C-alpha cells in the first residue's frame, strides 16, 4: 500500500478528485483503483478523477477519468476545476492554456475563483436535429431534449434508457433534459455516462444545451445562463454560418478539502 495525496474540488456541485501527477507516479491504467477512489461509500467520492500532468506545449495537461475508472472524453466542469487547481499550485497567475483529450484549451481565473474556460468549436453541420431532440459534440457527446416541468422529470430512468439506446451504441451518450425559463435562461438536469446517474452539473452538457437552443431558434442571444442542480453557469459564444466559436463556459470552481488515502 502507498499513500496518495489528493485534493477535492467542485464546480457547481460536479465534484472531482484532483491529483498532482507531474512526477507520473500514479498508475493510470488501474480502473479498479480509480473507481474505488471515486466511490462515495468506500473511497473518497467524486464524479470523476483528474490528473494534472506536465505538457510539452502548454502549461499543463488534463487527464480525466469517469467514476467508473475509465478514461473519458472532455469534462467542462472538470476543466474549470483543474484550472483552479493549477492556479492553487502556482502554475499560472491569471491566464493559462492546457491540453486535454479534445485539444488545447484557454482559460482565465479571477480573484473570486470564477473560471472562464474556452471549449471546442462546434461545426453547425455536425449538429443533428430530430423532431424531439438535438445531438451534438462539445468535447463529449450530448443528447439534448426539451421537456415540461424538468424539476419533477424522472431523469434517471429516462436518461438511462436514452444513454443505452441502440441509436447511441456502442459508446453511449450523456443526456440533458431542458426547460426554457426565459429568452436567455434555461434549466437543465443531466444523466452522465460513466457516472451512470444524474449529476448536479455537467459543463459540456450546459455548453451543448446553450448551442442547441440557439441552433433551434429558442434564443437569439450569445450569452446564456444555464441553471443546474448545483447552481448556475454562463455559456457565451460567437458564430458564423459555419460554426460556433469562442465558446466560453464560465462559473466558480472551489477546493473543498485536501487529504491522503492508502491505495494499492
C-alpha atoms as a PDB file:
ATOM      1  CA  UNK A   1       0.000   0.000   0.000  1.00  0.00           C
ATOM      2  CA  UNK A   2       1.126   3.565  -0.640  1.00  0.00           C
ATOM      3  CA  UNK A   3      -0.176   6.932   0.458  1.00  0.00           C
ATOM      4  CA  UNK A   4      -1.858   9.152  -2.117  1.00  0.00           C
ATOM      5  CA  UNK A   5      -2.236  12.878  -1.517  1.00  0.00           C
ATOM      6  CA  UNK A   6      -5.332  14.265  -3.220  1.00  0.00           C
ATOM      7  CA  UNK A   7      -7.437  17.399  -3.400  1.00  0.00           C
ATOM      8  CA  UNK A   8     -11.217  17.550  -3.709  1.00  0.00           C
ATOM      9  CA  UNK A   9     -12.715  20.210  -5.998  1.00  0.00           C
ATOM     10  CA  UNK A  10     -16.242  21.062  -7.065  1.00  0.00           C
ATOM     11  CA  UNK A  11     -17.737  23.189  -9.822  1.00  0.00           C
ATOM     12  CA  UNK A  12     -21.484  23.845  -9.334  1.00  0.00           C
ATOM     13  CA  UNK A  13     -21.716  20.551  -7.463  1.00  0.00           C
ATOM     14  CA  UNK A  14     -19.852  18.457 -10.041  1.00  0.00           C
ATOM     15  CA  UNK A  15     -17.085  17.074  -7.813  1.00  0.00           C
ATOM     16  CA  UNK A  16     -13.672  15.683  -8.668  1.00  0.00           C
ATOM     17  CA  UNK A  17     -10.637  14.105  -7.062  1.00  0.00           C
ATOM     18  CA  UNK A  18      -7.552  16.038  -8.160  1.00  0.00           C
ATOM     19  CA  UNK A  19      -4.080  14.516  -8.202  1.00  0.00           C
ATOM     20  CA  UNK A  20      -0.844  16.362  -8.986  1.00  0.00           C
ATOM     21  CA  UNK A  21       0.764  13.765 -11.259  1.00  0.00           C
ATOM     22  CA  UNK A  22       3.604  15.850 -12.662  1.00  0.00           C
ATOM     23  CA  UNK A  23       6.045  13.194 -11.409  1.00  0.00           C
ATOM     24  CA  UNK A  24       3.984  10.485 -13.201  1.00  0.00           C
ATOM     25  CA  UNK A  25       3.749   8.288 -10.103  1.00  0.00           C
ATOM     26  CA  UNK A  26       0.042   7.487 -10.493  1.00  0.00           C
ATOM     27  CA  UNK A  27      -0.887   4.096 -12.035  1.00  0.00           C
ATOM     28  CA  UNK A  28      -3.047   5.356 -14.892  1.00  0.00           C
ATOM     29  CA  UNK A  29      -4.372   2.077 -16.282  1.00  0.00           C
ATOM     30  CA  UNK A  30      -5.760   0.845 -12.954  1.00  0.00           C
ATOM     31  CA  UNK A  31      -9.510   1.336 -13.474  1.00  0.00           C
ATOM     32  CA  UNK A  32     -10.395  -0.579 -10.303  1.00  0.00           C
ATOM     33  CA  UNK A  33      -8.369   1.741  -8.065  1.00  0.00           C
ATOM     34  CA  UNK A  34      -9.767   4.858  -9.757  1.00  0.00           C
ATOM     35  CA  UNK A  35     -13.327   3.527  -9.347  1.00  0.00           C
ATOM     36  CA  UNK A  36     -12.577   2.784  -5.683  1.00  0.00           C
ATOM     37  CA  UNK A  37     -11.303   6.326  -5.100  1.00  0.00           C
ATOM     38  CA  UNK A  38     -14.465   7.772  -6.702  1.00  0.00           C
ATOM     39  CA  UNK A  39     -16.774   5.517  -4.654  1.00  0.00           C
ATOM     40  CA  UNK A  40     -18.806   7.630  -2.226  1.00  0.00           C
ATOM     41  CA  UNK A  41     -19.067   4.914   0.426  1.00  0.00           C
ATOM     42  CA  UNK A  42     -15.741   3.105   0.411  1.00  0.00           C
ATOM     43  CA  UNK A  43     -13.445   5.718  -1.171  1.00  0.00           C
ATOM     44  CA  UNK A  44     -13.134   9.497  -1.331  1.00  0.00           C
ATOM     45  CA  UNK A  45     -16.167  10.080  -3.520  1.00  0.00           C
ATOM     46  CA  UNK A  46     -16.384  12.006  -6.766  1.00  0.00           C
ATOM     47  CA  UNK A  47     -17.988  12.233 -10.200  1.00  0.00           C
ATOM     48  CA  UNK A  48     -14.515  11.657 -11.627  1.00  0.00           C
ATOM     49  CA  UNK A  49     -10.768  11.736 -11.035  1.00  0.00           C
ATOM     50  CA  UNK A  50      -8.437  14.174 -12.773  1.00  0.00           C
ATOM     51  CA  UNK A  51      -4.671  14.007 -13.120  1.00  0.00           C
ATOM     52  CA  UNK A  52      -2.669  17.205 -13.638  1.00  0.00           C
ATOM     53  CA  UNK A  53       0.495  16.466 -15.619  1.00  0.00           C
ATOM     54  CA  UNK A  54       3.268  18.359 -17.367  1.00  0.00           C
ATOM     55  CA  UNK A  55       2.793  19.136 -21.050  1.00  0.00           C
ATOM     56  CA  UNK A  56       5.395  19.939 -23.716  1.00  0.00           C
ATOM     57  CA  UNK A  57       3.339  22.646 -25.450  1.00  0.00           C
ATOM     58  CA  UNK A  58       1.072  24.095 -22.738  1.00  0.00           C
ATOM     59  CA  UNK A  59       1.114  24.971 -19.034  1.00  0.00           C
ATOM     60  CA  UNK A  60      -0.200  21.544 -18.069  1.00  0.00           C
ATOM     61  CA  UNK A  61      -2.198  18.527 -19.229  1.00  0.00           C
ATOM     62  CA  UNK A  62      -5.565  17.273 -18.008  1.00  0.00           C
ATOM     63  CA  UNK A  63      -6.251  13.513 -17.891  1.00  0.00           C
ATOM     64  CA  UNK A  64      -9.857  12.768 -16.941  1.00  0.00           C
ATOM     65  CA  UNK A  65     -11.421   9.538 -15.673  1.00  0.00           C
ATOM     66  CA  UNK A  66     -15.110   8.884 -15.105  1.00  0.00           C
ATOM     67  CA  UNK A  67     -16.269   7.498 -11.769  1.00  0.00           C
ATOM     68  CA  UNK A  68     -16.295   4.012 -13.299  1.00  0.00           C
ATOM     69  CA  UNK A  69     -12.493   4.210 -13.595  1.00  0.00           C
ATOM     70  CA  UNK A  70     -12.266   4.583 -17.365  1.00  0.00           C
ATOM     71  CA  UNK A  71     -10.570   7.468 -19.148  1.00  0.00           C
ATOM     72  CA  UNK A  72     -13.201   9.570 -20.833  1.00  0.00           C
ATOM     73  CA  UNK A  73     -13.880  12.491 -23.141  1.00  0.00           C
ATOM     74  CA  UNK A  74     -13.685  16.147 -22.108  1.00  0.00           C
ATOM     75  CA  UNK A  75     -15.326  17.304 -18.880  1.00  0.00           C
ATOM     76  CA  UNK A  76     -16.167  21.018 -18.809  1.00  0.00           C
ATOM     77  CA  UNK A  77     -16.634  21.408 -15.062  1.00  0.00           C
ATOM     78  CA  UNK A  78     -13.571  19.239 -14.517  1.00  0.00           C
ATOM     79  CA  UNK A  79     -11.726  21.608 -16.840  1.00  0.00           C
ATOM     80  CA  UNK A  80     -12.770  24.573 -14.716  1.00  0.00           C
ATOM     81  CA  UNK A  81     -11.706  22.721 -11.566  1.00  0.00           C
ATOM     82  CA  UNK A  82      -8.273  21.761 -12.894  1.00  0.00           C
ATOM     83  CA  UNK A  83      -7.682  25.398 -13.864  1.00  0.00           C
ATOM     84  CA  UNK A  84      -8.429  26.353 -10.250  1.00  0.00           C
ATOM     85  CA  UNK A  85      -6.135  23.539  -9.052  1.00  0.00           C
ATOM     86  CA  UNK A  86      -3.288  24.632 -11.347  1.00  0.00           C
ATOM     87  CA  UNK A  87      -3.703  28.195 -10.079  1.00  0.00           C
ATOM     88  CA  UNK A  88      -3.521  26.906  -6.483  1.00  0.00           C
ATOM     89  CA  UNK A  89      -0.317  25.030  -7.341  1.00  0.00           C
ATOM     90  CA  UNK A  90       1.220  28.247  -8.717  1.00  0.00           C
ATOM     91  CA  UNK A  91       1.453  27.023 -12.302  1.00  0.00           C
ATOM     92  CA  UNK A  92      -0.037  30.277 -13.638  1.00  0.00           C
ATOM     93  CA  UNK A  93      -1.364  33.615 -12.381  1.00  0.00           C
ATOM     94  CA  UNK A  94      -4.386  34.785 -14.426  1.00  0.00           C
ATOM     95  CA  UNK A  95      -4.325  33.206 -17.883  1.00  0.00           C
ATOM     96  CA  UNK A  96      -3.434  29.672 -18.877  1.00  0.00           C
ATOM     97  CA  UNK A  97      -3.510  27.108 -21.647  1.00  0.00           C
ATOM     98  CA  UNK A  98      -3.711  23.380 -21.131  1.00  0.00           C
ATOM     99  CA  UNK A  99      -4.121  20.254 -23.213  1.00  0.00           C
ATOM    100  CA  UNK A 100      -6.975  17.785 -22.772  1.00  0.00           C
ATOM    101  CA  UNK A 101      -8.204  14.821 -24.755  1.00  0.00           C
ATOM    102  CA  UNK A 102     -10.052  17.150 -27.173  1.00  0.00           C
ATOM    103  CA  UNK A 103      -7.126  19.527 -27.703  1.00  0.00           C
ATOM    104  CA  UNK A 104      -5.874  22.866 -26.420  1.00  0.00           C
ATOM    105  CA  UNK A 105      -7.956  24.979 -24.031  1.00  0.00           C
ATOM    106  CA  UNK A 106      -7.516  28.571 -22.902  1.00  0.00           C
ATOM    107  CA  UNK A 107      -8.806  29.750 -19.531  1.00  0.00           C
ATOM    108  CA  UNK A 108      -8.736  32.602 -17.044  1.00  0.00           C
ATOM    109  CA  UNK A 109      -9.459  32.827 -13.314  1.00  0.00           C
ATOM    110  CA  UNK A 110     -10.407  35.919 -11.329  1.00  0.00           C
ATOM    111  CA  UNK A 111      -9.951  36.853  -7.676  1.00  0.00           C
ATOM    112  CA  UNK A 112     -13.336  35.360  -6.768  1.00  0.00           C
ATOM    113  CA  UNK A 113     -12.357  31.967  -8.176  1.00  0.00           C
ATOM    114  CA  UNK A 114     -14.584  32.209 -11.242  1.00  0.00           C
ATOM    115  CA  UNK A 115     -13.078  30.312 -14.165  1.00  0.00           C
ATOM    116  CA  UNK A 116     -13.809  31.093 -17.813  1.00  0.00           C
ATOM    117  CA  UNK A 117     -12.904  28.067 -19.922  1.00  0.00           C
ATOM    118  CA  UNK A 118     -12.779  28.036 -23.703  1.00  0.00           C
ATOM    119  CA  UNK A 119     -14.492  24.974 -25.125  1.00  0.00           C
ATOM    120  CA  UNK A 120     -14.016  23.473 -28.589  1.00  0.00           C
ATOM    121  CA  UNK A 121     -15.596  24.967 -31.713  1.00  0.00           C
ATOM    122  CA  UNK A 122     -18.751  23.207 -32.907  1.00  0.00           C
ATOM    123  CA  UNK A 123     -19.433  22.965 -36.631  1.00  0.00           C
ATOM    124  CA  UNK A 124     -23.085  23.636 -37.346  1.00  0.00           C
ATOM    125  CA  UNK A 125     -23.374  20.835 -39.894  1.00  0.00           C
ATOM    126  CA  UNK A 126     -22.453  18.324 -37.150  1.00  0.00           C
ATOM    127  CA  UNK A 127     -25.490  19.255 -35.029  1.00  0.00           C
ATOM    128  CA  UNK A 128     -28.212  16.656 -35.531  1.00  0.00           C
ATOM    129  CA  UNK A 129     -31.773  17.934 -35.145  1.00  0.00           C
ATOM    130  CA  UNK A 130     -34.576  15.414 -34.767  1.00  0.00           C
ATOM    131  CA  UNK A 131     -38.258  16.029 -34.069  1.00  0.00           C
ATOM    132  CA  UNK A 132     -37.850  15.805 -30.281  1.00  0.00           C
ATOM    133  CA  UNK A 133     -34.129  16.078 -29.575  1.00  0.00           C
ATOM    134  CA  UNK A 134     -30.816  17.576 -30.695  1.00  0.00           C
ATOM    135  CA  UNK A 135     -27.472  15.786 -30.646  1.00  0.00           C
ATOM    136  CA  UNK A 136     -24.061  17.470 -30.701  1.00  0.00           C
ATOM    137  CA  UNK A 137     -20.474  17.004 -29.531  1.00  0.00           C
ATOM    138  CA  UNK A 138     -18.992  19.675 -27.251  1.00  0.00           C
ATOM    139  CA  UNK A 139     -15.954  17.698 -26.151  1.00  0.00           C
ATOM    140  CA  UNK A 140     -18.307  14.899 -25.097  1.00  0.00           C
ATOM    141  CA  UNK A 141     -21.467  13.600 -26.839  1.00  0.00           C
ATOM    142  CA  UNK A 142     -24.768  15.106 -25.711  1.00  0.00           C
ATOM    143  CA  UNK A 143     -28.420  14.333 -26.333  1.00  0.00           C
ATOM    144  CA  UNK A 144     -30.492  17.472 -25.622  1.00  0.00           C
ATOM    145  CA  UNK A 145     -34.245  17.199 -25.147  1.00  0.00           C
ATOM    146  CA  UNK A 146     -36.817  19.835 -24.175  1.00  0.00           C
ATOM    147  CA  UNK A 147     -39.317  18.750 -21.508  1.00  0.00           C
ATOM    148  CA  UNK A 148     -42.049  20.312 -19.391  1.00  0.00           C
ATOM    149  CA  UNK A 149     -41.504  20.662 -15.638  1.00  0.00           C
ATOM    150  CA  UNK A 150     -37.916  19.433 -15.575  1.00  0.00           C
ATOM    151  CA  UNK A 151     -37.912  19.703 -11.758  1.00  0.00           C
ATOM    152  CA  UNK A 152     -40.252  16.712 -11.470  1.00  0.00           C
ATOM    153  CA  UNK A 153     -38.965  14.809 -14.516  1.00  0.00           C
ATOM    154  CA  UNK A 154     -37.610  11.275 -13.985  1.00  0.00           C
ATOM    155  CA  UNK A 155     -34.074  11.992 -15.151  1.00  0.00           C
ATOM    156  CA  UNK A 156     -32.545   8.704 -14.022  1.00  0.00           C
ATOM    157  CA  UNK A 157     -34.931   6.321 -15.796  1.00  0.00           C
ATOM    158  CA  UNK A 158     -35.382   8.370 -18.967  1.00  0.00           C
ATOM    159  CA  UNK A 159     -31.716   9.311 -19.148  1.00  0.00           C
ATOM    160  CA  UNK A 160     -30.571   5.732 -18.662  1.00  0.00           C
ATOM    161  CA  UNK A 161     -32.905   4.487 -21.386  1.00  0.00           C
ATOM    162  CA  UNK A 162     -31.594   7.035 -23.895  1.00  0.00           C
ATOM    163  CA  UNK A 163     -27.945   6.572 -22.852  1.00  0.00           C
ATOM    164  CA  UNK A 164     -28.136   2.827 -23.546  1.00  0.00           C
ATOM    165  CA  UNK A 165     -30.458   3.024 -26.572  1.00  0.00           C
ATOM    166  CA  UNK A 166     -29.468   1.399 -29.858  1.00  0.00           C
ATOM    167  CA  UNK A 167     -29.016   4.751 -31.595  1.00  0.00           C
ATOM    168  CA  UNK A 168     -26.067   5.616 -29.320  1.00  0.00           C
ATOM    169  CA  UNK A 169     -24.317   2.260 -29.245  1.00  0.00           C
ATOM    170  CA  UNK A 170     -21.570   1.338 -28.638  1.00  0.00           C
ATOM    171  CA  UNK A 171     -20.235   4.343 -26.724  1.00  0.00           C
ATOM    172  CA  UNK A 172     -23.443   5.803 -25.363  1.00  0.00           C
ATOM    173  CA  UNK A 173     -24.169   9.459 -24.725  1.00  0.00           C
ATOM    174  CA  UNK A 174     -24.803  11.985 -21.982  1.00  0.00           C
ATOM    175  CA  UNK A 175     -28.438  13.056 -21.766  1.00  0.00           C
ATOM    176  CA  UNK A 176     -29.717  16.556 -20.939  1.00  0.00           C
ATOM    177  CA  UNK A 177     -33.341  17.420 -20.195  1.00  0.00           C
ATOM    178  CA  UNK A 178     -34.102  21.125 -20.642  1.00  0.00           C
ATOM    179  CA  UNK A 179     -36.792  23.608 -19.655  1.00  0.00           C
ATOM    180  CA  UNK A 180     -36.726  27.148 -21.027  1.00  0.00           C
ATOM    181  CA  UNK A 181     -37.068  29.818 -18.319  1.00  0.00           C
ATOM    182  CA  UNK A 182     -36.630  32.992 -20.379  1.00  0.00           C
ATOM    183  CA  UNK A 183     -35.087  34.256 -23.589  1.00  0.00           C
ATOM    184  CA  UNK A 184     -31.588  33.836 -22.187  1.00  0.00           C
ATOM    185  CA  UNK A 185     -32.049  31.279 -19.399  1.00  0.00           C
ATOM    186  CA  UNK A 186     -32.585  27.517 -19.305  1.00  0.00           C
ATOM    187  CA  UNK A 187     -32.784  24.950 -16.515  1.00  0.00           C
ATOM    188  CA  UNK A 188     -31.217  21.555 -17.159  1.00  0.00           C
ATOM    189  CA  UNK A 189     -30.761  18.193 -15.485  1.00  0.00           C
ATOM    190  CA  UNK A 190     -28.192  15.736 -16.825  1.00  0.00           C
ATOM    191  CA  UNK A 191     -27.679  11.979 -16.777  1.00  0.00           C
ATOM    192  CA  UNK A 192     -23.942  11.371 -17.234  1.00  0.00           C
ATOM    193  CA  UNK A 193     -22.463   8.251 -18.773  1.00  0.00           C
ATOM    194  CA  UNK A 194     -19.565   6.855 -16.758  1.00  0.00           C
ATOM    195  CA  UNK A 195     -21.182   8.144 -13.579  1.00  0.00           C
ATOM    196  CA  UNK A 196     -24.360   6.302 -14.662  1.00  0.00           C
ATOM    197  CA  UNK A 197     -26.555   8.656 -12.696  1.00  0.00           C
ATOM    198  CA  UNK A 198     -27.748  12.244 -12.584  1.00  0.00           C
ATOM    199  CA  UNK A 199     -25.038  14.717 -11.562  1.00  0.00           C
ATOM    200  CA  UNK A 200     -25.546  18.142 -10.026  1.00  0.00           C
ATOM    201  CA  UNK A 201     -23.902  19.789 -13.030  1.00  0.00           C
ATOM    202  CA  UNK A 202     -22.304  18.970 -16.377  1.00  0.00           C
ATOM    203  CA  UNK A 203     -20.141  21.561 -18.130  1.00  0.00           C
ATOM    204  CA  UNK A 204     -20.080  20.064 -21.613  1.00  0.00           C
ATOM    205  CA  UNK A 205     -23.814  19.453 -21.162  1.00  0.00           C
ATOM    206  CA  UNK A 206     -24.504  23.090 -20.279  1.00  0.00           C
ATOM    207  CA  UNK A 207     -22.467  24.091 -23.323  1.00  0.00           C
ATOM    208  CA  UNK A 208     -24.387  21.659 -25.520  1.00  0.00           C
ATOM    209  CA  UNK A 209     -27.732  22.971 -24.295  1.00  0.00           C
ATOM    210  CA  UNK A 210     -26.800  26.614 -24.948  1.00  0.00           C
ATOM    211  CA  UNK A 211     -25.662  25.879 -28.512  1.00  0.00           C
ATOM    212  CA  UNK A 212     -28.595  23.561 -29.210  1.00  0.00           C
ATOM    213  CA  UNK A 213     -31.149  26.128 -28.042  1.00  0.00           C
ATOM    214  CA  UNK A 214     -29.558  28.793 -30.237  1.00  0.00           C
ATOM    215  CA  UNK A 215     -29.418  26.394 -33.171  1.00  0.00           C
ATOM    216  CA  UNK A 216     -33.123  25.571 -32.733  1.00  0.00           C
ATOM    217  CA  UNK A 217     -34.050  29.266 -32.588  1.00  0.00           C
ATOM    218  CA  UNK A 218     -35.208  29.103 -28.972  1.00  0.00           C
ATOM    219  CA  UNK A 219     -32.890  32.018 -28.183  1.00  0.00           C
ATOM    220  CA  UNK A 220     -31.080  34.595 -30.317  1.00  0.00           C
ATOM    221  CA  UNK A 221     -28.631  35.794 -27.644  1.00  0.00           C
ATOM    222  CA  UNK A 222     -24.984  34.743 -27.461  1.00  0.00           C
ATOM    223  CA  UNK A 223     -24.688  34.690 -23.652  1.00  0.00           C
ATOM    224  CA  UNK A 224     -26.922  32.197 -21.924  1.00  0.00           C
ATOM    225  CA  UNK A 225     -27.429  31.341 -18.249  1.00  0.00           C
ATOM    226  CA  UNK A 226     -27.783  27.642 -17.530  1.00  0.00           C
ATOM    227  CA  UNK A 227     -29.318  26.686 -14.198  1.00  0.00           C
ATOM    228  CA  UNK A 228     -28.109  23.295 -12.997  1.00  0.00           C
ATOM    229  CA  UNK A 229     -28.943  21.403  -9.827  1.00  0.00           C
ATOM    230  CA  UNK A 230     -25.724  22.683  -8.217  1.00  0.00           C
ATOM    231  CA  UNK A 231     -26.017  26.363  -9.147  1.00  0.00           C
ATOM    232  CA  UNK A 232     -25.581  28.156 -12.456  1.00  0.00           C
ATOM    233  CA  UNK A 233     -23.031  28.692 -15.200  1.00  0.00           C
ATOM    234  CA  UNK A 234     -22.863  31.003 -18.192  1.00  0.00           C
ATOM    235  CA  UNK A 235     -22.157  29.945 -21.764  1.00  0.00           C
ATOM    236  CA  UNK A 236     -21.163  32.591 -24.305  1.00  0.00           C
ATOM    237  CA  UNK A 237     -20.137  32.208 -27.935  1.00  0.00           C
ATOM    238  CA  UNK A 238     -19.639  33.787 -31.318  1.00  0.00           C
ATOM    239  CA  UNK A 239     -20.952  32.257 -34.510  1.00  0.00           C
ATOM    240  CA  UNK A 240     -20.908  32.461 -38.272  1.00  0.00           C
ATOM    241  CA  UNK A 241     -22.621  30.407 -40.969  1.00  0.00           C
ATOM    242  CA  UNK A 242     -20.172  27.568 -40.443  1.00  0.00           C
ATOM    243  CA  UNK A 243     -19.641  27.166 -36.724  1.00  0.00           C
ATOM    244  CA  UNK A 244     -19.930  28.263 -33.111  1.00  0.00           C
ATOM    245  CA  UNK A 245     -16.565  29.529 -31.863  1.00  0.00           C
ATOM    246  CA  UNK A 246     -15.042  31.383 -28.895  1.00  0.00           C
ATOM    247  CA  UNK A 247     -17.329  29.180 -26.808  1.00  0.00           C
ATOM    248  CA  UNK A 248     -16.770  30.026 -23.131  1.00  0.00           C
ATOM    249  CA  UNK A 249     -18.039  28.128 -20.088  1.00  0.00           C
ATOM    250  CA  UNK A 250     -17.895  30.357 -17.000  1.00  0.00           C
ATOM    251  CA  UNK A 251     -18.537  29.578 -13.352  1.00  0.00           C
ATOM    252  CA  UNK A 252     -16.970  29.163  -9.923  1.00  0.00           C
ATOM    253  CA  UNK A 253     -14.648  26.264  -9.065  1.00  0.00           C
ATOM    254  CA  UNK A 254     -13.587  25.651  -5.491  1.00  0.00           C
ATOM    255  CA  UNK A 255     -11.234  23.471  -3.473  1.00  0.00           C
ATOM    256  CA  UNK A 256     -13.234  21.585  -0.848  1.00  0.00           C
ATOM    257  CA  UNK A 257     -10.504  19.776   1.073  1.00  0.00           C
ATOM    258  CA  UNK A 258      -7.112  18.074   0.907  1.00  0.00           C
ATOM    259  CA  UNK A 259      -6.449  14.571   2.196  1.00  0.00           C
ATOM    260  CA  UNK A 260      -4.486  11.353   1.998  1.00  0.00           C
ATOM    261  CA  UNK A 261      -5.630   7.801   1.368  1.00  0.00           C
ATOM    262  CA  UNK A 262      -3.918   4.424   1.095  1.00  0.00           C
ATOM    263  CA  UNK A 263      -4.068   2.752  -2.310  1.00  0.00           C
ATOM    264  CA  UNK A 264      -2.505  -0.471  -3.681  1.00  0.00           C
END
